[in-house]
Each structure stands twice: as C-alpha cells, then as structure tokens.
Amino acid sequence: MVISSIDLKDGHVVQLKNGKDLVLQRDDADALISDFNTYGEVAVIDLDAAMGHVDAKGNTVNTPLLKSLLHQGNVRTGGGIRSVKRARELISLGAEKVIIGSAAWKSNPAEGESPLNTEFLNELCAAIGKDRVIISVDAINGKIAVKGWTETVNVSLVDGAKAAEKYCSELLFTCVEKEGCMQGTDMNAVKALRDAVHCRVVAAGGVSTIEEIETLEKMHCDVQLGMALYTGKVGLKESFIRCLDWNKCELIPVIAQSANGQVLMEGYANREAFEKTFDTRKLTFWSRSRNELWTKGETSGNFLQVIKLRADCDRDVVLATVIPNGPTCHTGSWTCFGSDPQEASSMGRLYSIIADRFANPKPGSYTATLDAKRVREKVEEEAEELCEADGKDEVIWEAADLMYFINVLLYKEGVTWKDVYDELDRRHKKK
C-alpha cells in the first residue's frame, strides 16, 4: 500500500529533487493530511532537522506544524531524531512510529565492527519498543547514506539492512539517486533488500507509476510516495484499489467500524464500489442479491461517512472507519451485530457528546457552563466522592460522574482519548 509523505522545510510542505533542489512548495498541510490519511499511513518528515538546523531544544521552524500533524492521522515521523528523549517525545505527541536515520549508524565503523550505533538503538528500543522503530536504509551507489544524504557509510545496503532488522519493525529504503526524479526506483535493489530481511520493507525514491506500485506490492513491499502524488502522476484512489488482492475474489469484504471502535456491519465491494466510496466519502457496497451498487443509507438516510479505509495484511479485507448518521442495521439497531437502537456507551461517545455541547450549546445545557476552573474543581470533588463511595452501586454512580468531568477537562485542554490511549500503550511497551 502507499504511505503518503509530507516533507517539511522552512515551515512549508516541499518536494526536493535528490534531497537538495526545491521542486515545489505549498502551505496546505492540514488539507493534505486529511486527504492522505483516508487511504493509508502518512509520513511527516522534518527536513530541517535532518539537515541539523535545530535549536538548543532540538526544535526547528517546522516543529509547531509537525506537532499539529501528529494528531491528525496514522502518522510516522522522521528527520533528525538523534536522541531517545526526542523519539519518546514524538511518540507521546501522537506519532505511531519514528524513523531513525543517521543516528542509527556509525560514521566510520572499523573492519569487522557493526555499522550500527547499537548502544543508542538498544536504549531506543527499551524506551519506546522495537515495534515503534523504523530504520532508514537509504543508499547511494549501494552504500548506506547518512547526514542528510551528504555522506555514506562503508557498508552495503543489504548488509546494513540485515544488521538493522534486529532493532526495528520495518526498514525504509530510499534510492537517493532516484529521489524526486520521477524515473522509477531501483527494483533490483528493492528485491535484494526484500529477499535479505523478514521485517516490513517500505520503498521510496523515484516511484512514479501505478504499475511500479503494483509490482512492489507483489514483492510484499509498501511504497512511500511524495513527488508522484504532488504532481498528480499517481492517484491514491487508484493505488489503493489496485493494491488489493483481486486474484482471490472479485468482491472484497468490507467491515464498517465507528470512529469509537464499535463494529457496525459487513458488506462486499468491487472496484467500482471502492471508487464511489472514495469519490463520495459515503461507504458503498456491491449488493450480491440485487447485483448492483448500493450506498449504505441511500434509502434510510443513515449514511456511513468515511473517515479512512485500511486494507489488512493480506490485502483481501478492508476496514472502514466511519461516522454513522443514525442506526446502521435495517432493523433499526445501531449495529447489525446487536439490537440496541443507540450507540454503545464509551469514552469516545461521551467525549463526542461533550464536544457537541460546546460547539452547539443548547438552552439550559449544564456542560456548556463549565469553565476550566470549575471543571477542575468538579474533578477533585468527584474523585473524593468516589474514594468515599460505599458499595458497588455507589461506586458505579460516582465513577460515572468522575468520568463525565474528566471528559470535559480533556476536551477543554484539547486532549483526545486517543492521546491518552497512546500514552498508556507507550507505557505498556516499556515494561
């Protein structure tokens, strides 16, 4: 599948040729990530940090924009990550994975010595977990490239990749000579890399056609795209559809799940149904009984607004994250796997209701009257009452009150439950 790249330089979204020459520049990062995240993961790269243009705290002119983007999708980030502290900070800010480049490698390893900075990588894996680490195996003339691609390490791409695999969940390979040139990537190098390692491999640099993406997909490699997307040479809609495994069947199962995690329904889609889903942002299927396209909700009005689609590892099932506009099932149930006409209670649902109360205050709404000071007082008050609760029923009552005010406090501070869950996940992986 395709991972879309947003490269940041001097506070702008840019694309560079060979990592040096500016080809295009734009200032619509929020719109870009909103679109890109519909189709797959997004890589946000701080080029200034990669080039060492950082202040005493390790920040660049791109840092505010980078932090904003980390909250807006399934984001991996890289560029100048040279310390465990910085990597941990980026994970806590919302990055799912960090891309480690020059810091992973020794400048001049001695004969027979590991080319990797193993002390740093061991500390990094202990801090955030190996599964959150991506190591760049960028290459120039078959040698590992570092320091913003201005130098090479005296180790081959394949040997470097074999050594690096022990410290990461995936490898990101950029053919530097092909980067930004729109002339295709080095397929032989990618194949050699794929054959040498067992972890996930993402290829970048020069990929410019749907046919190349399909070829790489059949090699079990994902693709990170930049220039080809920005110039319109490759479209994400077609890339997503073409990467699905149509050899297994003509209809792909699609599971619809609410943004709060509740499974709503399952249906089937052909190529045309996926195209309409992406074009309308309303989940569309192929009706096997009527032998025609149907958009969920076209009769009832209960559409499923698409947030994002994700293919599974075998590319033969798709998970659609949606916002339901009313009950999903034709019986009137919220989900086809239950009988309740209302969405199940969850922290996500409560948070959404609270957000709506502030965005669209109604007369008499208690929620809309809560300011920052008052909600903190209520959290303290309800926490004390929960600690003093006597018996199961009283504990349930007081816990519900506390959860409500915690949700209000989170909303007031611009913190989502995903932020909290990510932090809990990060802590779990440290143990």
Protein backbone atom coordinates (compact mmCIF):
# COMPACT_ATOMS: atom_id res chain seq x y z
CA MET A 1 0.00 0.00 0.00
CA VAL A 2 1.00 3.63 -0.34
CA ILE A 3 2.31 5.77 2.52
CA SER A 4 1.96 9.44 1.59
CA SER A 5 4.83 11.73 2.50
CA ILE A 6 4.63 15.28 3.81
CA ASP A 7 8.12 16.79 3.81
CA LEU A 8 8.57 19.99 5.82
CA LYS A 9 11.19 22.67 5.21
CA ASP A 10 11.27 26.29 6.41
CA GLY A 11 7.68 25.87 7.65
CA HIS A 12 6.35 24.76 4.25
CA VAL A 13 5.43 21.47 2.60
CA VAL A 14 8.07 20.83 -0.06
CA GLN A 15 9.38 18.31 -2.53
CA LEU A 16 13.08 18.17 -3.32
CA LYS A 17 14.99 16.50 -6.14
CA ASN A 18 17.86 14.29 -4.90
CA GLY A 19 17.23 15.74 -1.44
CA LYS A 20 18.62 19.16 -2.49
CA ASP A 21 16.82 21.07 -5.23
CA LEU A 22 13.41 22.62 -4.45
CA VAL A 23 10.81 21.47 -6.98
CA LEU A 24 7.58 22.55 -5.32
CA GLN A 25 6.34 24.29 -2.19
CA ARG A 26 2.88 24.64 -0.67
CA ASP A 27 1.14 25.61 2.58
CA ASP A 28 -1.86 23.30 2.92
CA ALA A 29 -0.51 20.63 5.27
CA ASP A 30 -3.80 20.20 7.16
CA ALA A 31 -5.75 19.59 3.95
CA LEU A 32 -3.08 17.23 2.68
CA ILE A 33 -3.02 15.01 5.75
CA SER A 34 -6.82 14.93 5.88
CA ASP A 35 -6.86 13.58 2.33
CA PHE A 36 -3.82 11.31 2.61
CA ASN A 37 -5.00 9.64 5.82
CA THR A 38 -8.16 8.43 4.06
CA TYR A 39 -6.07 5.97 2.06
CA GLY A 40 -3.31 4.91 4.42
CA GLU A 41 -0.49 5.89 6.74
CA VAL A 42 1.25 9.25 6.41
CA ALA A 43 4.94 10.03 6.85
CA VAL A 44 5.79 13.52 8.11
CA ILE A 45 9.47 14.35 7.66
CA ASP A 46 11.26 17.37 9.14
CA LEU A 47 13.95 18.06 6.53
CA ASP A 48 15.45 20.93 8.53
CA ALA A 49 16.01 18.60 11.48
CA ALA A 50 17.57 16.03 9.15
CA MET A 51 20.00 18.69 7.98
CA GLY A 52 20.86 19.66 11.55
CA HIS A 53 19.13 23.05 11.52
CA VAL A 54 17.85 22.78 15.10
CA ASP A 55 17.88 24.97 18.20
CA ALA A 56 19.17 24.04 21.65
CA LYS A 57 15.98 22.09 22.39
CA GLY A 58 16.15 20.13 19.15
CA ASN A 59 13.30 22.07 17.52
CA THR A 60 13.11 23.63 14.06
CA VAL A 61 10.87 26.16 12.36
CA ASN A 62 8.72 23.16 11.38
CA THR A 63 8.13 21.90 14.93
CA PRO A 64 4.74 23.59 15.60
CA LEU A 65 3.35 22.29 12.30
CA LEU A 66 4.83 18.84 12.89
CA LYS A 67 3.22 18.59 16.33
CA SER A 68 -0.13 19.57 14.86
CA LEU A 69 0.05 16.95 12.13
CA LEU A 70 0.90 14.13 14.54
CA HIS A 71 -2.65 14.30 15.90
CA GLN A 72 -4.35 14.13 12.53
CA GLY A 73 -3.89 10.58 11.31
CA ASN A 74 -1.87 7.37 11.38
CA VAL A 75 1.43 9.22 11.31
CA ARG A 76 5.04 8.12 11.34
CA THR A 77 7.67 10.81 11.59
CA GLY A 78 11.37 11.26 10.93
CA GLY A 79 14.11 13.74 10.29
CA GLY A 80 16.95 14.44 12.69
CA ILE A 81 15.82 12.14 15.51
CA ARG A 82 19.13 11.72 17.29
CA SER A 83 18.15 11.08 20.90
CA VAL A 84 15.90 8.72 22.82
CA LYS A 85 14.35 11.73 24.52
CA ARG A 86 13.28 13.21 21.18
CA ALA A 87 11.87 9.88 19.97
CA ARG A 88 9.89 9.42 23.19
CA GLU A 89 8.53 12.96 22.92
CA LEU A 90 7.31 12.41 19.35
CA ILE A 91 5.58 9.17 20.35
CA SER A 92 3.89 10.92 23.27
CA LEU A 93 2.73 13.67 20.87
CA GLY A 94 0.93 11.13 18.70
CA ALA A 95 3.44 9.58 16.29
CA GLU A 96 2.81 5.87 15.82
CA LYS A 97 6.41 5.21 14.77
CA VAL A 98 9.66 7.15 14.49
CA ILE A 99 12.06 6.93 11.56
CA ILE A 100 15.70 6.81 12.61
CA GLY A 101 18.29 7.78 10.02
CA SER A 102 21.86 8.91 10.68
CA ALA A 103 21.66 8.28 14.44
CA ALA A 104 21.34 4.54 13.75
CA TRP A 105 24.71 4.35 12.02
CA LYS A 106 28.38 4.77 12.94
CA SER A 107 30.29 7.18 10.73
CA ASN A 108 33.39 5.04 10.21
CA PRO A 109 32.99 1.51 11.59
CA ALA A 110 36.22 -0.43 11.92
CA GLU A 111 36.81 -3.60 9.93
CA GLY A 112 34.50 -6.31 11.26
CA GLU A 113 32.70 -3.87 13.59
CA SER A 114 28.93 -3.43 13.48
CA PRO A 115 28.00 -0.43 11.34
CA LEU A 116 25.17 0.36 13.76
CA ASN A 117 25.09 2.58 16.81
CA THR A 118 23.93 -0.37 18.90
CA GLU A 119 24.13 1.44 22.23
CA PHE A 120 21.65 4.08 21.02
CA LEU A 121 19.37 1.56 19.32
CA ASN A 122 19.20 -0.70 22.37
CA GLU A 123 18.29 2.27 24.55
CA LEU A 124 15.71 3.42 22.00
CA CYS A 125 14.01 0.01 21.78
CA ALA A 126 13.90 -0.23 25.56
CA ALA A 127 12.28 3.21 25.77
CA ILE A 128 9.57 3.04 23.09
CA GLY A 129 9.56 -0.57 21.88
CA LYS A 130 11.10 -2.13 18.78
CA ASP A 131 7.72 -2.14 17.06
CA ARG A 132 7.66 1.68 17.04
CA VAL A 133 11.08 1.99 15.37
CA ILE A 134 11.74 2.33 11.64
CA ILE A 135 15.34 2.47 10.46
CA SER A 136 16.26 4.22 7.23
CA VAL A 137 18.49 2.22 4.93
CA ASP A 138 18.87 4.97 2.34
CA ALA A 139 21.52 4.23 -0.23
CA ILE A 140 23.78 5.98 -2.73
CA ASN A 141 25.54 3.68 -5.19
CA GLY A 142 24.65 0.73 -2.99
CA LYS A 143 26.10 2.23 0.23
CA ILE A 144 24.15 3.41 3.28
CA ALA A 145 23.69 7.20 3.12
CA VAL A 146 23.62 9.43 6.23
CA LYS A 147 23.71 13.08 7.37
CA GLY A 148 21.04 14.33 5.00
CA TRP A 149 22.46 12.07 2.26
CA THR A 150 25.70 14.08 2.22
CA GLU A 151 27.86 11.13 3.33
CA THR A 152 27.91 7.35 3.04
CA VAL A 153 28.86 4.61 5.48
CA ASN A 154 31.21 1.92 4.24
CA VAL A 155 28.57 -0.82 4.37
CA SER A 156 26.35 -2.22 1.65
CA LEU A 157 22.59 -1.78 1.61
CA VAL A 158 21.92 -5.48 2.18
CA ASP A 159 24.50 -5.95 4.95
CA GLY A 160 23.30 -2.80 6.67
CA ALA A 161 19.67 -3.88 6.42
CA LYS A 162 20.40 -7.32 7.89
CA ALA A 163 22.12 -5.71 10.85
CA ALA A 164 19.41 -3.06 11.34
CA GLU A 165 16.48 -5.51 11.27
CA LYS A 166 17.22 -6.62 14.84
CA TYR A 167 16.36 -3.14 16.15
CA CYS A 168 13.19 -2.20 14.26
CA SER A 169 9.82 -3.34 12.96
CA GLU A 170 10.43 -2.06 9.43
CA LEU A 171 13.02 -0.63 7.09
CA LEU A 172 12.61 2.45 4.92
CA PHE A 173 14.71 2.30 1.76
CA THR A 174 15.23 5.40 -0.35
CA CYS A 175 17.20 5.15 -3.56
CA VAL A 176 18.77 8.61 -3.28
CA GLU A 177 19.81 8.82 -6.92
CA LYS A 178 16.17 8.34 -7.92
CA GLU A 179 14.59 10.59 -5.25
CA GLY A 180 12.34 13.22 -6.80
CA CYS A 181 13.39 12.33 -10.36
CA MET A 182 10.13 10.59 -11.36
CA GLN A 183 12.09 7.99 -13.32
CA GLY A 184 11.31 4.86 -11.35
CA THR A 185 13.10 3.29 -8.40
CA ASP A 186 15.87 0.68 -8.40
CA MET A 187 13.78 -2.51 -8.47
CA ASN A 188 16.84 -4.76 -8.27
CA ALA A 189 17.96 -3.06 -5.07
CA VAL A 190 14.47 -3.35 -3.57
CA LYS A 191 14.28 -7.05 -4.47
CA ALA A 192 17.69 -7.71 -2.94
CA LEU A 193 16.59 -5.92 0.21
CA ARG A 194 13.27 -7.76 0.36
CA ASP A 195 14.99 -11.13 -0.04
CA ALA A 196 17.51 -10.30 2.69
CA VAL A 197 15.19 -9.39 5.57
CA HIS A 198 11.96 -10.60 7.17
CA CYS A 199 10.53 -7.33 8.51
CA ARG A 200 8.29 -4.87 6.67
CA VAL A 201 10.02 -3.01 3.84
CA VAL A 202 8.93 0.39 2.53
CA ALA A 203 10.46 1.61 -0.74
CA ALA A 204 10.83 5.29 -1.64
CA GLY A 205 12.62 7.41 -4.17
CA GLY A 206 11.57 7.67 -7.81
CA VAL A 207 8.39 5.57 -7.82
CA SER A 208 6.14 7.31 -10.31
CA THR A 209 3.61 4.87 -11.80
CA ILE A 210 0.75 2.67 -10.63
CA GLU A 211 2.47 -0.25 -12.35
CA GLU A 212 5.55 0.17 -10.16
CA ILE A 213 3.38 0.30 -7.05
CA GLU A 214 1.65 -2.93 -8.11
CA THR A 215 5.00 -4.59 -8.79
CA LEU A 216 6.31 -3.59 -5.38
CA GLU A 217 3.07 -4.75 -3.73
CA LYS A 218 3.54 -8.19 -5.30
CA MET A 219 7.05 -8.19 -3.85
CA HIS A 220 5.39 -7.54 -0.45
CA CYS A 221 6.82 -4.04 -0.21
CA ASP A 222 4.92 -0.87 0.63
CA VAL A 223 5.69 2.43 -1.09
CA GLN A 224 6.29 5.87 0.37
CA LEU A 225 5.30 8.48 -2.21
CA GLY A 226 5.94 12.18 -2.47
CA MET A 227 6.63 13.79 -5.83
CA ALA A 228 4.36 11.44 -7.81
CA LEU A 229 1.40 12.40 -5.58
CA TYR A 230 2.00 16.14 -5.62
CA THR A 231 2.38 16.26 -9.39
CA GLY A 232 -0.74 14.14 -9.94
CA LYS A 233 1.14 11.39 -11.75
CA VAL A 234 -0.15 8.82 -9.26
CA GLY A 235 -3.55 8.91 -7.55
CA LEU A 236 -4.17 7.44 -4.12
CA LYS A 237 -7.61 6.14 -5.03
CA GLU A 238 -6.34 4.02 -7.90
CA SER A 239 -3.28 2.94 -5.91
CA PHE A 240 -5.41 1.69 -3.02
CA ILE A 241 -7.76 -0.26 -5.27
CA ARG A 242 -5.01 -1.77 -7.41
CA CYS A 243 -3.08 -2.96 -4.34
CA LEU A 244 -5.98 -5.10 -3.12
CA ASP A 245 -5.69 -8.83 -3.86
CA TRP A 246 -8.30 -9.25 -6.59
CA ASN A 247 -6.82 -12.61 -7.58
CA LYS A 248 -8.52 -14.23 -4.59
CA CYS A 249 -12.02 -12.98 -5.33
CA GLU A 250 -13.97 -10.38 -7.27
CA LEU A 251 -15.58 -8.97 -4.12
CA ILE A 252 -13.60 -7.74 -1.12
CA PRO A 253 -15.20 -7.95 2.35
CA VAL A 254 -15.53 -4.52 3.98
CA ILE A 255 -16.04 -4.17 7.74
CA ALA A 256 -17.54 -0.87 8.89
CA GLN A 257 -16.43 0.33 12.32
CA SER A 258 -17.42 3.52 14.09
CA ALA A 259 -14.78 6.08 15.00
CA ASN A 260 -15.34 4.99 18.61
CA GLY A 261 -14.47 1.37 17.79
CA GLN A 262 -17.88 -0.34 17.53
CA VAL A 263 -18.29 -2.81 14.64
CA LEU A 264 -21.39 -1.78 12.69
CA MET A 265 -21.76 -4.03 9.65
CA GLU A 266 -20.02 -6.07 6.98
CA GLY A 267 -20.56 -5.99 3.24
CA TYR A 268 -18.74 -6.57 -0.05
CA ALA A 269 -17.22 -4.21 -2.56
CA ASN A 270 -15.88 -4.45 -6.09
CA ARG A 271 -13.59 -1.94 -7.75
CA GLU A 272 -16.49 0.31 -8.74
CA ALA A 273 -17.85 0.34 -5.18
CA PHE A 274 -14.48 1.43 -3.79
CA GLU A 275 -14.24 4.18 -6.39
CA LYS A 276 -17.64 5.53 -5.40
CA THR A 277 -16.75 5.30 -1.70
CA PHE A 278 -13.66 7.44 -2.23
CA ASP A 279 -15.44 9.88 -4.54
CA THR A 280 -18.46 10.46 -2.28
CA ARG A 281 -16.89 9.67 1.13
CA LYS A 282 -20.01 7.56 1.80
CA LEU A 283 -19.47 3.84 2.26
CA THR A 284 -20.66 1.98 -0.83
CA PHE A 285 -21.01 -1.77 -1.45
CA TRP A 286 -21.94 -4.21 -4.17
CA SER A 287 -25.29 -5.84 -3.49
CA ARG A 288 -24.98 -9.56 -4.21
CA SER A 289 -28.75 -10.04 -4.05
CA ARG A 290 -29.64 -7.15 -6.39
CA ASN A 291 -26.43 -7.33 -8.41
CA GLU A 292 -25.88 -3.58 -8.27
CA LEU A 293 -24.02 -0.84 -6.39
CA TRP A 294 -25.64 0.47 -3.23
CA THR A 295 -24.54 3.23 -0.91
CA LYS A 296 -25.46 2.48 2.70
CA GLY A 297 -28.18 4.93 3.72
CA GLU A 298 -29.39 5.93 0.25
CA THR A 299 -32.92 4.85 1.24
CA SER A 300 -32.94 5.46 5.02
CA GLY A 301 -30.66 8.47 5.09
CA ASN A 302 -28.42 6.68 7.59
CA PHE A 303 -25.21 7.09 5.62
CA LEU A 304 -21.82 5.94 6.84
CA GLN A 305 -19.43 8.87 6.38
CA VAL A 306 -15.96 7.53 5.64
CA ILE A 307 -13.01 8.70 7.72
CA LYS A 308 -10.46 6.23 6.41
CA LEU A 309 -10.03 2.82 4.80
CA ARG A 310 -7.33 0.31 5.71
CA ALA A 311 -6.52 -2.98 3.98
CA ASP A 312 -5.45 -5.93 6.11
CA CYS A 313 -2.01 -7.53 5.82
CA ASP A 314 -3.20 -9.96 3.11
CA ARG A 315 -4.95 -7.19 1.14
CA ASP A 316 -8.17 -9.19 0.94
CA VAL A 317 -10.25 -7.46 3.67
CA VAL A 318 -10.82 -3.73 4.23
CA LEU A 319 -11.66 -1.99 7.50
CA ALA A 320 -13.65 1.23 7.01
CA THR A 321 -13.68 3.70 9.89
CA VAL A 322 -16.89 5.68 9.62
CA ILE A 323 -19.17 8.18 11.30
CA PRO A 324 -22.71 6.72 11.29
CA ASN A 325 -25.60 9.06 10.61
CA GLY A 326 -28.12 7.10 12.66
CA PRO A 327 -28.67 3.34 13.15
CA THR A 328 -26.82 1.10 10.71
CA CYS A 329 -28.98 -2.03 10.59
CA HIS A 330 -32.17 -2.21 8.52
CA THR A 331 -33.91 -3.42 11.69
CA GLY A 332 -33.29 -0.05 13.33
CA SER A 333 -30.41 -1.28 15.50
CA TRP A 334 -27.29 0.81 15.83
CA THR A 335 -25.20 -2.15 14.65
CA CYS A 336 -26.02 -5.28 12.64
CA PHE A 337 -24.46 -7.27 15.49
CA GLY A 338 -26.84 -6.14 18.23
CA SER A 339 -30.39 -4.96 18.95
CA ASP A 340 -29.86 -1.66 20.77
CA PRO A 341 -31.02 1.33 18.67
CA GLN A 342 -28.39 3.60 20.29
CA GLU A 343 -24.62 3.63 20.10
CA ALA A 344 -22.97 1.77 22.96
CA SER A 345 -21.57 3.97 25.71
CA SER A 346 -17.82 4.56 25.58
CA MET A 347 -15.34 7.26 26.44
CA GLY A 348 -15.25 8.19 22.77
CA ARG A 349 -19.02 8.57 22.56
CA LEU A 350 -19.18 10.65 25.75
CA TYR A 351 -16.33 12.84 24.50
CA SER A 352 -18.17 13.40 21.20
CA ILE A 353 -21.37 14.40 23.01
CA ILE A 354 -19.45 16.85 25.20
CA ALA A 355 -17.68 18.32 22.17
CA ASP A 356 -21.06 18.84 20.51
CA ARG A 357 -22.45 20.55 23.61
CA PHE A 358 -19.66 23.11 23.50
CA ALA A 359 -19.81 23.54 19.72
CA ASN A 360 -23.62 23.79 19.64
CA PRO A 361 -24.76 24.90 23.12
CA LYS A 362 -28.42 24.38 23.87
CA PRO A 363 -30.51 26.41 26.33
CA GLY A 364 -30.09 25.02 29.81
CA SER A 365 -27.03 22.90 28.91
CA TYR A 366 -25.00 22.32 32.08
CA THR A 367 -21.95 21.20 30.09
CA ALA A 368 -21.72 24.49 28.21
CA THR A 369 -21.48 26.42 31.50
CA LEU A 370 -18.34 24.65 32.70
CA ASP A 371 -15.19 26.74 32.50
CA ALA A 372 -11.64 25.49 33.10
CA LYS A 373 -11.61 26.42 36.79
CA ARG A 374 -14.99 24.91 37.58
CA VAL A 375 -14.35 21.62 35.81
CA ARG A 376 -11.12 21.10 37.76
CA GLU A 377 -12.97 21.70 40.99
CA LYS A 378 -15.57 19.12 39.96
CA VAL A 379 -12.89 16.54 39.09
CA GLU A 380 -11.38 16.95 42.56
CA GLU A 381 -14.81 16.79 44.18
CA GLU A 382 -15.97 13.70 42.28
CA ALA A 383 -12.65 11.90 42.80
CA GLU A 384 -13.02 12.40 46.55
CA GLU A 385 -16.63 11.17 46.46
CA LEU A 386 -15.56 8.07 44.51
CA CYS A 387 -12.91 7.29 47.12
CA GLU A 388 -15.55 7.62 49.85
CA ALA A 389 -18.22 5.62 47.97
CA ASP A 390 -19.72 2.71 49.92
CA GLY A 391 -20.86 -0.34 47.99
CA LYS A 392 -20.95 -1.29 44.31
CA ASP A 393 -23.90 0.88 43.27
CA GLU A 394 -22.44 3.99 44.86
CA VAL A 395 -19.03 3.32 43.27
CA ILE A 396 -20.67 2.98 39.84
CA TRP A 397 -22.60 6.25 40.31
CA GLU A 398 -19.59 8.25 41.47
CA ALA A 399 -17.30 6.72 38.81
CA ALA A 400 -19.75 7.79 36.09
CA ASP A 401 -19.76 11.35 37.47
CA LEU A 402 -15.96 11.44 37.56
CA MET A 403 -15.66 10.10 34.01
CA TYR A 404 -18.01 12.80 32.76
CA PHE A 405 -15.94 15.62 34.28
CA ILE A 406 -12.67 14.03 33.15
CA ASN A 407 -14.03 14.07 29.59
CA VAL A 408 -14.92 17.75 29.92
CA LEU A 409 -11.43 18.54 31.25
CA LEU A 410 -9.78 16.62 28.39
CA TYR A 411 -11.89 18.46 25.83
CA LYS A 412 -11.08 21.83 27.41
CA GLU A 413 -7.35 21.03 27.15
CA GLY A 414 -7.57 19.77 23.56
CA VAL A 415 -6.65 16.22 24.61
CA THR A 416 -8.41 13.26 22.98
CA TRP A 417 -8.83 9.74 24.28
CA LYS A 418 -6.50 8.59 21.52
CA ASP A 419 -3.79 10.73 23.10
CA VAL A 420 -4.43 9.06 26.45
CA TYR A 421 -4.56 5.55 24.95
CA ASP A 422 -1.33 6.20 23.04
CA GLU A 423 0.39 7.20 26.28
CA LEU A 424 -0.90 4.09 28.06
CA ASP A 425 0.26 2.00 25.11
CA ARG A 426 3.71 3.62 25.23
CA ARG A 427 3.99 2.86 28.95
CA HIS A 428 2.88 -0.74 28.41
CA LYS A 429 5.57 -1.28 25.77
CA LYS A 430 8.25 -0.03 28.19
CA LYS A 431 7.54 -2.89 30.60
